[in-house]
Amino acid sequence: IDEIAATGTAVLVISSDLPEALGISDRLLVMRGGRIVTEMPAAEASEESVMQHATGVHTPSTSTGDRDRAHDAGASR
């Protein structure tokens, strides 16, 4: 995958293995209910933040606020 990406070719990887996805990605698109609910640079993502978006469950101590709730609400339509 790294060799292909190094040539400038886009590589799409679909994975539920979060450590793998975080380790090989430049950016992540997280889906819930068949829809993309967020996009984030992999360097800014954590397993916890990805799971919060994937499940729709945000804990108060790590929630990124109204922006994510509004984005998630729009994605469920």
C-alpha atoms as a PDB file:
ATOM      1  CA  ILE A   1       0.000   0.000   0.000  1.00  0.00           C
ATOM      2  CA  ASP A   2       2.809   2.412   0.896  1.00  0.00           C
ATOM      3  CA  GLU A   3       4.548   1.832  -2.454  1.00  0.00           C
ATOM      4  CA  ILE A   4       1.352   2.527  -4.390  1.00  0.00           C
ATOM      5  CA  ALA A   5       0.566   5.638  -2.338  1.00  0.00           C
ATOM      6  CA  ALA A   6       4.136   6.880  -2.833  1.00  0.00           C
ATOM      7  CA  THR A   7       3.493   7.039  -6.585  1.00  0.00           C
ATOM      8  CA  GLY A   8       0.642   9.483  -5.971  1.00  0.00           C
ATOM      9  CA  THR A   9      -2.088   6.936  -6.594  1.00  0.00           C
ATOM     10  CA  ALA A  10      -5.058   7.169  -4.234  1.00  0.00           C
ATOM     11  CA  VAL A  11      -5.653   4.050  -2.168  1.00  0.00           C
ATOM     12  CA  LEU A  12      -9.021   3.311  -0.576  1.00  0.00           C
ATOM     13  CA  VAL A  13      -8.931   0.932   2.373  1.00  0.00           C
ATOM     14  CA  ILE A  14     -12.083  -0.229   4.118  1.00  0.00           C
ATOM     15  CA  SER A  15     -11.316  -1.619   7.545  1.00  0.00           C
ATOM     16  CA  SER A  16     -12.881  -2.095  10.951  1.00  0.00           C
ATOM     17  CA  ASP A  17      -9.416  -2.649  12.436  1.00  0.00           C
ATOM     18  CA  LEU A  18      -8.849   0.783  13.992  1.00  0.00           C
ATOM     19  CA  PRO A  19      -5.138   0.452  14.802  1.00  0.00           C
ATOM     20  CA  GLU A  20      -4.540  -0.638  11.198  1.00  0.00           C
ATOM     21  CA  ALA A  21      -6.672   2.180   9.777  1.00  0.00           C
ATOM     22  CA  LEU A  22      -4.958   4.798  11.939  1.00  0.00           C
ATOM     23  CA  GLY A  23      -1.526   3.425  11.050  1.00  0.00           C
ATOM     24  CA  ILE A  24      -1.863   3.425   7.272  1.00  0.00           C
ATOM     25  CA  SER A  25      -4.181   6.363   6.598  1.00  0.00           C
ATOM     26  CA  ASP A  26      -3.676  10.023   5.802  1.00  0.00           C
ATOM     27  CA  ARG A  27      -7.342  10.721   6.505  1.00  0.00           C
ATOM     28  CA  LEU A  28     -10.323   8.792   7.800  1.00  0.00           C
ATOM     29  CA  LEU A  29     -13.966   8.883   6.829  1.00  0.00           C
ATOM     30  CA  VAL A  30     -16.159   7.389   9.540  1.00  0.00           C
ATOM     31  CA  MET A  31     -19.494   5.829   8.656  1.00  0.00           C
ATOM     32  CA  ARG A  32     -22.569   5.092  10.732  1.00  0.00           C
ATOM     33  CA  GLY A  33     -25.813   3.719   9.355  1.00  0.00           C
ATOM     34  CA  GLY A  34     -24.426   3.632   5.825  1.00  0.00           C
ATOM     35  CA  ARG A  35     -23.559   7.337   5.803  1.00  0.00           C
ATOM     36  CA  ILE A  36     -20.341   9.277   6.277  1.00  0.00           C
ATOM     37  CA  VAL A  37     -20.624  11.087   9.610  1.00  0.00           C
ATOM     38  CA  THR A  38     -17.187  12.686   9.786  1.00  0.00           C
ATOM     39  CA  GLU A  39     -13.872  13.082   8.006  1.00  0.00           C
ATOM     40  CA  MET A  40     -10.665  13.711   9.911  1.00  0.00           C
ATOM     41  CA  PRO A  41      -6.921  13.675   9.354  1.00  0.00           C
ATOM     42  CA  ALA A  42      -5.534  10.413  10.717  1.00  0.00           C
ATOM     43  CA  ALA A  43      -2.890  12.373  12.627  1.00  0.00           C
ATOM     44  CA  GLU A  44      -5.682  14.020  14.654  1.00  0.00           C
ATOM     45  CA  ALA A  45      -7.759  10.852  15.134  1.00  0.00           C
ATOM     46  CA  SER A  46      -7.749   8.416  18.013  1.00  0.00           C
ATOM     47  CA  GLU A  47      -9.489   5.086  18.439  1.00  0.00           C
ATOM     48  CA  GLU A  48     -11.797   6.784  20.943  1.00  0.00           C
ATOM     49  CA  SER A  49     -12.754   9.657  18.624  1.00  0.00           C
ATOM     50  CA  VAL A  50     -13.389   7.296  15.710  1.00  0.00           C
ATOM     51  CA  MET A  51     -15.588   5.054  17.869  1.00  0.00           C
ATOM     52  CA  GLN A  52     -17.528   8.034  19.198  1.00  0.00           C
ATOM     53  CA  HIS A  53     -18.399   9.053  15.647  1.00  0.00           C
ATOM     54  CA  ALA A  54     -19.082   5.480  14.540  1.00  0.00           C
ATOM     55  CA  THR A  55     -21.465   4.832  17.433  1.00  0.00           C
ATOM     56  CA  GLY A  56     -22.884   8.332  17.884  1.00  0.00           C
ATOM     57  CA  VAL A  57     -22.028   8.167  21.591  1.00  0.00           C
ATOM     58  CA  HIS A  58     -19.957  11.143  22.741  1.00  0.00           C
ATOM     59  CA  THR A  59     -18.663  11.376  26.280  1.00  0.00           C
ATOM     60  CA  PRO A  60     -18.721  14.873  27.827  1.00  0.00           C
ATOM     61  CA  SER A  61     -14.994  14.859  28.599  1.00  0.00           C
ATOM     62  CA  THR A  62     -13.968  14.152  25.006  1.00  0.00           C
ATOM     63  CA  SER A  63     -16.837  15.516  22.931  1.00  0.00           C
ATOM     64  CA  THR A  64     -15.808  18.205  20.471  1.00  0.00           C
ATOM     65  CA  GLY A  65     -19.028  20.097  21.090  1.00  0.00           C
ATOM     66  CA  ASP A  66     -22.009  21.356  19.166  1.00  0.00           C
ATOM     67  CA  ARG A  67     -20.260  21.110  15.791  1.00  0.00           C
ATOM     68  CA  ASP A  68     -20.083  17.311  15.966  1.00  0.00           C
ATOM     69  CA  ARG A  69     -23.608  16.928  17.317  1.00  0.00           C
ATOM     70  CA  ALA A  70     -24.950  19.123  14.518  1.00  0.00           C
ATOM     71  CA  HIS A  71     -22.910  17.211  11.918  1.00  0.00           C
ATOM     72  CA  ASP A  72     -24.074  13.855  13.294  1.00  0.00           C
ATOM     73  CA  ALA A  73     -27.707  15.018  13.393  1.00  0.00           C
ATOM     74  CA  GLY A  74     -27.514  16.024   9.740  1.00  0.00           C
ATOM     75  CA  ALA A  75     -26.025  12.669   8.809  1.00  0.00           C
ATOM     76  CA  SER A  76     -28.955  10.739  10.243  1.00  0.00           C
ATOM     77  CA  ARG A  77     -31.468  12.280   7.854  1.00  0.00           C
END
